């Protein structure tokens, strides 16, 4: 689990239940993406909620989820202090 902490103390990361995030303070959780199948059964990770692109197609959901995490963590690390 990657957590980025800004100089002002704001913590950002992908939601995960690995640790109790409420222990860090009040939470603001927003959707960053959607992983959905298309009519042909191919899976897509749509990062448009954060201004990203659509990743895929993937033959199985787990591949789309893995690609989603990689891309969101890449974006998070690049925008950590913006």
C-alpha atoms as a PDB file:
ATOM      1  CA  UNK A   1       0.000   0.000   0.000  1.00  0.00           C
ATOM      2  CA  UNK A   2       1.442   3.326  -1.095  1.00  0.00           C
ATOM      3  CA  UNK A   3       0.670   6.441   0.935  1.00  0.00           C
ATOM      4  CA  UNK A   4       1.946   9.866  -0.098  1.00  0.00           C
ATOM      5  CA  UNK A   5       2.240  12.603   2.521  1.00  0.00           C
ATOM      6  CA  UNK A   6       2.353  16.219   1.357  1.00  0.00           C
ATOM      7  CA  UNK A   7       4.411  18.874   3.182  1.00  0.00           C
ATOM      8  CA  UNK A   8       1.139  20.134   4.699  1.00  0.00           C
ATOM      9  CA  UNK A   9       0.420  16.672   6.150  1.00  0.00           C
ATOM     10  CA  UNK A  10      -2.293  15.548   3.725  1.00  0.00           C
ATOM     11  CA  UNK A  11      -2.081  11.799   3.143  1.00  0.00           C
ATOM     12  CA  UNK A  12      -3.146  10.403  -0.249  1.00  0.00           C
ATOM     13  CA  UNK A  13      -3.291   6.832  -1.455  1.00  0.00           C
ATOM     14  CA  UNK A  14      -5.407   4.093  -2.910  1.00  0.00           C
ATOM     15  CA  UNK A  15      -8.023   2.835  -0.485  1.00  0.00           C
ATOM     16  CA  UNK A  16      -7.095  -0.490   1.013  1.00  0.00           C
ATOM     17  CA  UNK A  17      -8.136  -2.276   4.192  1.00  0.00           C
ATOM     18  CA  UNK A  18      -4.551  -3.294   4.960  1.00  0.00           C
ATOM     19  CA  UNK A  19      -4.404  -0.658   7.696  1.00  0.00           C
ATOM     20  CA  UNK A  20      -7.132   1.276   9.515  1.00  0.00           C
ATOM     21  CA  UNK A  21      -6.956   4.564   7.602  1.00  0.00           C
ATOM     22  CA  UNK A  22      -9.282   6.283  10.074  1.00  0.00           C
ATOM     23  CA  UNK A  23      -6.393   6.247  12.546  1.00  0.00           C
ATOM     24  CA  UNK A  24      -4.749   8.871  10.313  1.00  0.00           C
ATOM     25  CA  UNK A  25      -7.653  11.283  10.763  1.00  0.00           C
ATOM     26  CA  UNK A  26     -10.846  12.112   8.925  1.00  0.00           C
ATOM     27  CA  UNK A  27     -11.139  10.497   5.506  1.00  0.00           C
ATOM     28  CA  UNK A  28     -12.232  11.886   2.167  1.00  0.00           C
ATOM     29  CA  UNK A  29     -12.777   8.951  -0.180  1.00  0.00           C
ATOM     30  CA  UNK A  30     -13.445   9.592  -3.870  1.00  0.00           C
ATOM     31  CA  UNK A  31     -13.747   7.190  -6.785  1.00  0.00           C
ATOM     32  CA  UNK A  32     -10.693   7.256  -9.060  1.00  0.00           C
ATOM     33  CA  UNK A  33     -11.747   4.658 -11.609  1.00  0.00           C
ATOM     34  CA  UNK A  34     -14.207   2.008 -12.723  1.00  0.00           C
ATOM     35  CA  UNK A  35     -13.406  -1.583 -13.747  1.00  0.00           C
ATOM     36  CA  UNK A  36     -16.200  -3.004 -15.878  1.00  0.00           C
ATOM     37  CA  UNK A  37     -16.715  -5.574 -18.625  1.00  0.00           C
ATOM     38  CA  UNK A  38     -17.823  -4.605 -22.114  1.00  0.00           C
ATOM     39  CA  UNK A  39     -20.581  -6.443 -24.028  1.00  0.00           C
ATOM     40  CA  UNK A  40     -17.962  -8.888 -25.391  1.00  0.00           C
ATOM     41  CA  UNK A  41     -16.786  -9.905 -21.907  1.00  0.00           C
ATOM     42  CA  UNK A  42     -13.516  -7.959 -22.098  1.00  0.00           C
ATOM     43  CA  UNK A  43     -12.512  -5.960 -19.023  1.00  0.00           C
ATOM     44  CA  UNK A  44     -11.602  -2.266 -18.984  1.00  0.00           C
ATOM     45  CA  UNK A  45     -10.177   0.020 -16.299  1.00  0.00           C
ATOM     46  CA  UNK A  46     -11.611   3.489 -16.875  1.00  0.00           C
ATOM     47  CA  UNK A  47      -9.588   6.209 -15.123  1.00  0.00           C
ATOM     48  CA  UNK A  48     -11.695   9.093 -16.457  1.00  0.00           C
ATOM     49  CA  UNK A  49     -12.818  10.150 -12.935  1.00  0.00           C
ATOM     50  CA  UNK A  50      -9.222  11.364 -12.365  1.00  0.00           C
ATOM     51  CA  UNK A  51      -8.697  12.608 -15.922  1.00  0.00           C
ATOM     52  CA  UNK A  52      -7.015   9.398 -17.013  1.00  0.00           C
ATOM     53  CA  UNK A  53      -7.404   7.072 -19.923  1.00  0.00           C
ATOM     54  CA  UNK A  54      -9.236   3.807 -20.429  1.00  0.00           C
ATOM     55  CA  UNK A  55      -6.961   0.762 -20.015  1.00  0.00           C
ATOM     56  CA  UNK A  56      -7.649  -2.499 -21.776  1.00  0.00           C
ATOM     57  CA  UNK A  57      -9.100  -4.657 -23.020  1.00  0.00           C
ATOM     58  CA  UNK A  58      -8.162  -7.439 -20.598  1.00  0.00           C
ATOM     59  CA  UNK A  59      -9.439 -10.985 -20.808  1.00  0.00           C
ATOM     60  CA  UNK A  60      -9.944 -11.299 -17.037  1.00  0.00           C
ATOM     61  CA  UNK A  61     -10.989  -8.842 -14.339  1.00  0.00           C
ATOM     62  CA  UNK A  62      -7.872  -9.411 -12.229  1.00  0.00           C
ATOM     63  CA  UNK A  63      -5.672  -8.113 -15.056  1.00  0.00           C
ATOM     64  CA  UNK A  64      -7.759  -4.949 -15.324  1.00  0.00           C
ATOM     65  CA  UNK A  65      -7.584  -4.453 -11.551  1.00  0.00           C
ATOM     66  CA  UNK A  66      -3.799  -4.880 -11.556  1.00  0.00           C
ATOM     67  CA  UNK A  67      -3.401  -2.379 -14.408  1.00  0.00           C
ATOM     68  CA  UNK A  68      -5.696   0.024 -12.571  1.00  0.00           C
ATOM     69  CA  UNK A  69      -3.562  -0.100  -9.409  1.00  0.00           C
ATOM     70  CA  UNK A  70      -0.298   0.353 -11.324  1.00  0.00           C
ATOM     71  CA  UNK A  71      -1.612   3.385 -13.211  1.00  0.00           C
ATOM     72  CA  UNK A  72      -3.233   5.008 -10.193  1.00  0.00           C
ATOM     73  CA  UNK A  73      -0.087   4.558  -8.079  1.00  0.00           C
ATOM     74  CA  UNK A  74       2.010   5.967 -10.922  1.00  0.00           C
ATOM     75  CA  UNK A  75      -0.245   9.013 -11.100  1.00  0.00           C
ATOM     76  CA  UNK A  76      -0.254   9.366  -7.334  1.00  0.00           C
ATOM     77  CA  UNK A  77       3.521   9.315  -7.042  1.00  0.00           C
ATOM     78  CA  UNK A  78       3.899  11.822  -9.873  1.00  0.00           C
ATOM     79  CA  UNK A  79       1.339  14.227  -8.406  1.00  0.00           C
ATOM     80  CA  UNK A  80       2.245  13.767  -4.738  1.00  0.00           C
ATOM     81  CA  UNK A  81       2.960  17.402  -3.978  1.00  0.00           C
ATOM     82  CA  UNK A  82       0.875  19.173  -6.615  1.00  0.00           C
END
